[in-house]
């Protein structure tokens, strides 16, 4: 009923697509794993280790873009998750180093990777502030609160929906935690 030549073409195309998909997922998982390790290193203030891991992730992302193309990569959820986690790690490194958050050069990233990464960044800032406060470095809480408010004020300009809206709402909750921590520290100092 169906022409054999057509079926064979479809099998070849499907097989190639599945092979690419498995490779993209595997490499994306490597990036995701490295991003999580980078964030953990940043939380421990191991900046050199984090810098090395960021460089390794950037090399992996560039290689993936070269091998598959940005448009193909964007079709895979695993890649999206890895790119978002990379943005979170990269921007967290900037925040704790006192640098501005700017566009990331040399790697193509979609707006959703940036926005999702920015939202998740606030959660890492809460953990960082909490860990620093536990060491008696209370000024970090006020600093992270101020930076978190600045990030959230920029995110207000977007009418986020769906997945990004959920992330935005979580970021707002994290900012409230920073505000509560700063408030409680202030109360204790005033006593």
C-alpha atoms as a PDB file:
ATOM      1  CA  UNK A   1       0.000   0.000   0.000  1.00  0.00           C
ATOM      2  CA  UNK A   2       2.776   2.490   0.970  1.00  0.00           C
ATOM      3  CA  UNK A   3       5.700   2.851  -1.390  1.00  0.00           C
ATOM      4  CA  UNK A   4       8.787   1.039  -0.009  1.00  0.00           C
ATOM      5  CA  UNK A   5      11.119   3.881  -1.064  1.00  0.00           C
ATOM      6  CA  UNK A   6       9.048   6.312   0.998  1.00  0.00           C
ATOM      7  CA  UNK A   7       9.028   3.988   4.017  1.00  0.00           C
ATOM      8  CA  UNK A   8      12.815   3.561   3.789  1.00  0.00           C
ATOM      9  CA  UNK A   9      13.334   7.346   3.602  1.00  0.00           C
ATOM     10  CA  UNK A  10      11.099   7.817   6.615  1.00  0.00           C
ATOM     11  CA  UNK A  11      12.958   5.128   8.569  1.00  0.00           C
ATOM     12  CA  UNK A  12      16.294   6.767   7.757  1.00  0.00           C
ATOM     13  CA  UNK A  13      15.046  10.227   8.754  1.00  0.00           C
ATOM     14  CA  UNK A  14      13.448   8.943  11.926  1.00  0.00           C
ATOM     15  CA  UNK A  15      16.551   6.938  12.853  1.00  0.00           C
ATOM     16  CA  UNK A  16      18.820   9.944  12.329  1.00  0.00           C
ATOM     17  CA  UNK A  17      16.524  12.149  14.386  1.00  0.00           C
ATOM     18  CA  UNK A  18      16.436   9.656  17.253  1.00  0.00           C
ATOM     19  CA  UNK A  19      20.221   9.290  17.174  1.00  0.00           C
ATOM     20  CA  UNK A  20      20.599  13.083  17.411  1.00  0.00           C
ATOM     21  CA  UNK A  21      18.005  13.218  20.165  1.00  0.00           C
ATOM     22  CA  UNK A  22      19.875  10.685  22.300  1.00  0.00           C
ATOM     23  CA  UNK A  23      23.156  12.557  21.786  1.00  0.00           C
ATOM     24  CA  UNK A  24      21.580  15.911  22.664  1.00  0.00           C
ATOM     25  CA  UNK A  25      19.995  14.469  25.797  1.00  0.00           C
ATOM     26  CA  UNK A  26      23.262  12.869  26.889  1.00  0.00           C
ATOM     27  CA  UNK A  27      25.328  16.017  26.352  1.00  0.00           C
ATOM     28  CA  UNK A  28      22.633  18.194  27.919  1.00  0.00           C
ATOM     29  CA  UNK A  29      22.702  15.990  31.003  1.00  0.00           C
ATOM     30  CA  UNK A  30      26.467  16.574  31.207  1.00  0.00           C
ATOM     31  CA  UNK A  31      25.903  20.351  31.106  1.00  0.00           C
ATOM     32  CA  UNK A  32      23.110  20.119  33.679  1.00  0.00           C
ATOM     33  CA  UNK A  33      25.280  18.056  36.029  1.00  0.00           C
ATOM     34  CA  UNK A  34      28.182  20.503  35.667  1.00  0.00           C
ATOM     35  CA  UNK A  35      25.862  23.466  36.295  1.00  0.00           C
ATOM     36  CA  UNK A  36      24.631  21.936  39.531  1.00  0.00           C
ATOM     37  CA  UNK A  37      28.218  21.261  40.618  1.00  0.00           C
ATOM     38  CA  UNK A  38      29.122  24.854  39.698  1.00  0.00           C
ATOM     39  CA  UNK A  39      26.319  26.256  41.824  1.00  0.00           C
ATOM     40  CA  UNK A  40      27.361  24.020  44.705  1.00  0.00           C
ATOM     41  CA  UNK A  41      30.960  25.263  44.380  1.00  0.00           C
ATOM     42  CA  UNK A  42      29.712  28.864  44.352  1.00  0.00           C
ATOM     43  CA  UNK A  43      27.671  28.228  47.497  1.00  0.00           C
ATOM     44  CA  UNK A  44      30.903  27.061  49.155  1.00  0.00           C
ATOM     45  CA  UNK A  45      32.690  30.126  47.733  1.00  0.00           C
ATOM     46  CA  UNK A  46      35.076  27.998  45.677  1.00  0.00           C
ATOM     47  CA  UNK A  47      35.243  30.557  42.881  1.00  0.00           C
ATOM     48  CA  UNK A  48      38.172  29.069  40.941  1.00  0.00           C
ATOM     49  CA  UNK A  49      36.529  25.652  40.761  1.00  0.00           C
ATOM     50  CA  UNK A  50      33.258  27.276  39.668  1.00  0.00           C
ATOM     51  CA  UNK A  51      35.043  29.325  36.999  1.00  0.00           C
ATOM     52  CA  UNK A  52      36.655  26.172  35.583  1.00  0.00           C
ATOM     53  CA  UNK A  53      33.304  24.378  35.487  1.00  0.00           C
ATOM     54  CA  UNK A  54      31.634  27.352  33.764  1.00  0.00           C
ATOM     55  CA  UNK A  55      34.331  27.286  31.084  1.00  0.00           C
ATOM     56  CA  UNK A  56      33.838  23.537  30.581  1.00  0.00           C
ATOM     57  CA  UNK A  57      30.065  24.014  30.231  1.00  0.00           C
ATOM     58  CA  UNK A  58      30.559  26.807  27.721  1.00  0.00           C
ATOM     59  CA  UNK A  59      32.792  24.559  25.648  1.00  0.00           C
ATOM     60  CA  UNK A  60      30.155  21.792  25.740  1.00  0.00           C
ATOM     61  CA  UNK A  61      27.348  24.181  24.752  1.00  0.00           C
ATOM     62  CA  UNK A  62      29.381  25.620  21.863  1.00  0.00           C
ATOM     63  CA  UNK A  63      30.211  22.126  20.613  1.00  0.00           C
ATOM     64  CA  UNK A  64      26.559  21.108  20.761  1.00  0.00           C
ATOM     65  CA  UNK A  65      25.551  24.195  18.787  1.00  0.00           C
ATOM     66  CA  UNK A  66      28.212  23.437  16.188  1.00  0.00           C
ATOM     67  CA  UNK A  67      27.213  19.767  15.902  1.00  0.00           C
ATOM     68  CA  UNK A  68      23.422  20.135  15.864  1.00  0.00           C
ATOM     69  CA  UNK A  69      22.568  23.797  15.268  1.00  0.00           C
ATOM     70  CA  UNK A  70      20.707  26.063  17.647  1.00  0.00           C
ATOM     71  CA  UNK A  71      17.289  25.461  16.100  1.00  0.00           C
ATOM     72  CA  UNK A  72      17.625  21.681  16.449  1.00  0.00           C
ATOM     73  CA  UNK A  73      18.839  21.995  20.039  1.00  0.00           C
ATOM     74  CA  UNK A  74      15.849  24.157  20.994  1.00  0.00           C
ATOM     75  CA  UNK A  75      13.529  21.305  20.048  1.00  0.00           C
ATOM     76  CA  UNK A  76      14.783  19.173  22.933  1.00  0.00           C
ATOM     77  CA  UNK A  77      13.582  19.734  26.491  1.00  0.00           C
ATOM     78  CA  UNK A  78      16.807  18.362  27.934  1.00  0.00           C
ATOM     79  CA  UNK A  79      18.787  21.063  26.163  1.00  0.00           C
ATOM     80  CA  UNK A  80      16.422  23.765  27.402  1.00  0.00           C
ATOM     81  CA  UNK A  81      16.816  22.567  30.998  1.00  0.00           C
ATOM     82  CA  UNK A  82      20.607  22.510  30.660  1.00  0.00           C
ATOM     83  CA  UNK A  83      20.769  25.981  29.103  1.00  0.00           C
ATOM     84  CA  UNK A  84      18.562  27.407  31.854  1.00  0.00           C
ATOM     85  CA  UNK A  85      20.686  25.819  34.577  1.00  0.00           C
ATOM     86  CA  UNK A  86      23.814  27.165  32.895  1.00  0.00           C
ATOM     87  CA  UNK A  87      22.338  30.694  32.920  1.00  0.00           C
ATOM     88  CA  UNK A  88      21.508  30.273  36.600  1.00  0.00           C
ATOM     89  CA  UNK A  89      25.084  29.222  37.400  1.00  0.00           C
ATOM     90  CA  UNK A  90      26.650  31.944  35.248  1.00  0.00           C
ATOM     91  CA  UNK A  91      24.510  34.722  36.704  1.00  0.00           C
ATOM     92  CA  UNK A  92      24.945  33.435  40.265  1.00  0.00           C
ATOM     93  CA  UNK A  93      28.706  33.650  39.768  1.00  0.00           C
ATOM     94  CA  UNK A  94      28.274  37.249  38.605  1.00  0.00           C
ATOM     95  CA  UNK A  95      26.082  38.166  41.582  1.00  0.00           C
ATOM     96  CA  UNK A  96      28.402  36.843  44.271  1.00  0.00           C
ATOM     97  CA  UNK A  97      31.422  38.312  42.491  1.00  0.00           C
ATOM     98  CA  UNK A  98      29.792  41.746  42.509  1.00  0.00           C
ATOM     99  CA  UNK A  99      29.565  41.904  38.712  1.00  0.00           C
ATOM    100  CA  UNK A 100      26.669  43.012  36.540  1.00  0.00           C
ATOM    101  CA  UNK A 101      24.482  40.454  34.850  1.00  0.00           C
ATOM    102  CA  UNK A 102      24.926  40.925  31.113  1.00  0.00           C
ATOM    103  CA  UNK A 103      24.181  38.934  27.996  1.00  0.00           C
ATOM    104  CA  UNK A 104      26.319  35.849  27.657  1.00  0.00           C
ATOM    105  CA  UNK A 105      28.694  36.090  24.717  1.00  0.00           C
ATOM    106  CA  UNK A 106      29.622  33.223  22.433  1.00  0.00           C
ATOM    107  CA  UNK A 107      26.623  31.009  23.194  1.00  0.00           C
ATOM    108  CA  UNK A 108      23.165  31.348  21.693  1.00  0.00           C
ATOM    109  CA  UNK A 109      20.502  31.265  24.361  1.00  0.00           C
ATOM    110  CA  UNK A 110      16.776  31.823  24.091  1.00  0.00           C
ATOM    111  CA  UNK A 111      14.858  34.380  26.121  1.00  0.00           C
ATOM    112  CA  UNK A 112      13.272  31.533  28.115  1.00  0.00           C
ATOM    113  CA  UNK A 113      16.693  30.238  29.196  1.00  0.00           C
ATOM    114  CA  UNK A 114      17.583  33.688  30.487  1.00  0.00           C
ATOM    115  CA  UNK A 115      14.246  34.363  32.195  1.00  0.00           C
ATOM    116  CA  UNK A 116      14.035  30.913  33.794  1.00  0.00           C
ATOM    117  CA  UNK A 117      17.651  31.172  34.922  1.00  0.00           C
ATOM    118  CA  UNK A 118      17.058  34.619  36.432  1.00  0.00           C
ATOM    119  CA  UNK A 119      14.053  33.338  38.375  1.00  0.00           C
ATOM    120  CA  UNK A 120      15.985  30.346  39.722  1.00  0.00           C
ATOM    121  CA  UNK A 121      18.889  32.615  40.606  1.00  0.00           C
ATOM    122  CA  UNK A 122      16.851  34.206  43.413  1.00  0.00           C
ATOM    123  CA  UNK A 123      16.574  30.809  45.139  1.00  0.00           C
ATOM    124  CA  UNK A 124      20.352  30.381  45.046  1.00  0.00           C
ATOM    125  CA  UNK A 125      20.736  33.879  46.470  1.00  0.00           C
ATOM    126  CA  UNK A 126      18.537  32.857  49.421  1.00  0.00           C
ATOM    127  CA  UNK A 127      20.712  29.800  50.082  1.00  0.00           C
ATOM    128  CA  UNK A 128      23.861  31.888  49.790  1.00  0.00           C
ATOM    129  CA  UNK A 129      22.531  34.552  52.175  1.00  0.00           C
ATOM    130  CA  UNK A 130      21.418  31.885  54.651  1.00  0.00           C
ATOM    131  CA  UNK A 131      24.814  30.163  54.607  1.00  0.00           C
ATOM    132  CA  UNK A 132      26.652  33.465  55.035  1.00  0.00           C
ATOM    133  CA  UNK A 133      24.342  34.575  57.853  1.00  0.00           C
ATOM    134  CA  UNK A 134      25.006  31.270  59.604  1.00  0.00           C
ATOM    135  CA  UNK A 135      28.685  32.264  59.569  1.00  0.00           C
ATOM    136  CA  UNK A 136      27.833  35.649  61.108  1.00  0.00           C
ATOM    137  CA  UNK A 137      28.128  37.589  57.849  1.00  0.00           C
ATOM    138  CA  UNK A 138      24.743  39.254  58.165  1.00  0.00           C
ATOM    139  CA  UNK A 139      25.504  42.034  55.699  1.00  0.00           C
ATOM    140  CA  UNK A 140      25.219  39.446  52.903  1.00  0.00           C
ATOM    141  CA  UNK A 141      21.495  39.100  53.590  1.00  0.00           C
ATOM    142  CA  UNK A 142      20.871  42.803  52.962  1.00  0.00           C
ATOM    143  CA  UNK A 143      23.105  42.686  49.880  1.00  0.00           C
ATOM    144  CA  UNK A 144      21.295  39.658  48.396  1.00  0.00           C
ATOM    145  CA  UNK A 145      17.920  41.214  49.244  1.00  0.00           C
ATOM    146  CA  UNK A 146      18.857  44.397  47.396  1.00  0.00           C
ATOM    147  CA  UNK A 147      20.130  42.473  44.366  1.00  0.00           C
ATOM    148  CA  UNK A 148      17.093  40.193  44.417  1.00  0.00           C
ATOM    149  CA  UNK A 149      14.764  43.196  44.422  1.00  0.00           C
ATOM    150  CA  UNK A 150      16.636  44.651  41.448  1.00  0.00           C
ATOM    151  CA  UNK A 151      16.302  41.393  39.493  1.00  0.00           C
ATOM    152  CA  UNK A 152      12.609  41.056  40.346  1.00  0.00           C
ATOM    153  CA  UNK A 153      11.907  44.668  39.374  1.00  0.00           C
ATOM    154  CA  UNK A 154      13.271  43.863  35.907  1.00  0.00           C
ATOM    155  CA  UNK A 155      11.205  40.689  35.672  1.00  0.00           C
ATOM    156  CA  UNK A 156       8.060  42.720  36.415  1.00  0.00           C
ATOM    157  CA  UNK A 157       8.326  44.120  32.888  1.00  0.00           C
ATOM    158  CA  UNK A 158       7.361  40.727  31.474  1.00  0.00           C
ATOM    159  CA  UNK A 159       3.852  39.321  31.437  1.00  0.00           C
ATOM    160  CA  UNK A 160       5.102  35.799  32.020  1.00  0.00           C
ATOM    161  CA  UNK A 161       2.782  32.873  31.413  1.00  0.00           C
ATOM    162  CA  UNK A 162       2.919  29.095  31.699  1.00  0.00           C
ATOM    163  CA  UNK A 163       6.152  27.559  32.886  1.00  0.00           C
ATOM    164  CA  UNK A 164       7.903  30.924  33.249  1.00  0.00           C
ATOM    165  CA  UNK A 165       5.046  32.303  35.346  1.00  0.00           C
ATOM    166  CA  UNK A 166       5.476  29.408  37.768  1.00  0.00           C
ATOM    167  CA  UNK A 167       9.189  30.163  38.018  1.00  0.00           C
ATOM    168  CA  UNK A 168       8.464  33.865  38.507  1.00  0.00           C
ATOM    169  CA  UNK A 169       6.043  33.100  41.343  1.00  0.00           C
ATOM    170  CA  UNK A 170       8.677  30.897  42.977  1.00  0.00           C
ATOM    171  CA  UNK A 171      11.218  33.718  42.655  1.00  0.00           C
ATOM    172  CA  UNK A 172       8.783  36.098  44.370  1.00  0.00           C
ATOM    173  CA  UNK A 173       8.511  33.603  47.222  1.00  0.00           C
ATOM    174  CA  UNK A 174      12.285  33.423  47.478  1.00  0.00           C
ATOM    175  CA  UNK A 175      12.532  37.206  47.568  1.00  0.00           C
ATOM    176  CA  UNK A 176      10.033  37.222  50.459  1.00  0.00           C
ATOM    177  CA  UNK A 177      12.391  34.877  52.332  1.00  0.00           C
ATOM    178  CA  UNK A 178      15.260  37.340  51.827  1.00  0.00           C
ATOM    179  CA  UNK A 179      13.035  40.174  53.021  1.00  0.00           C
ATOM    180  CA  UNK A 180      12.022  38.184  56.111  1.00  0.00           C
ATOM    181  CA  UNK A 181      15.635  37.313  56.910  1.00  0.00           C
ATOM    182  CA  UNK A 182      16.695  40.954  56.566  1.00  0.00           C
ATOM    183  CA  UNK A 183      13.797  42.043  58.776  1.00  0.00           C
ATOM    184  CA  UNK A 184      14.647  39.540  61.519  1.00  0.00           C
ATOM    185  CA  UNK A 185      18.326  40.507  61.460  1.00  0.00           C
ATOM    186  CA  UNK A 186      17.345  44.156  61.749  1.00  0.00           C
ATOM    187  CA  UNK A 187      15.087  43.429  64.731  1.00  0.00           C
ATOM    188  CA  UNK A 188      17.878  41.584  66.530  1.00  0.00           C
ATOM    189  CA  UNK A 189      20.344  44.397  65.915  1.00  0.00           C
ATOM    190  CA  UNK A 190      17.894  46.967  67.263  1.00  0.00           C
ATOM    191  CA  UNK A 191      17.475  45.104  70.576  1.00  0.00           C
END
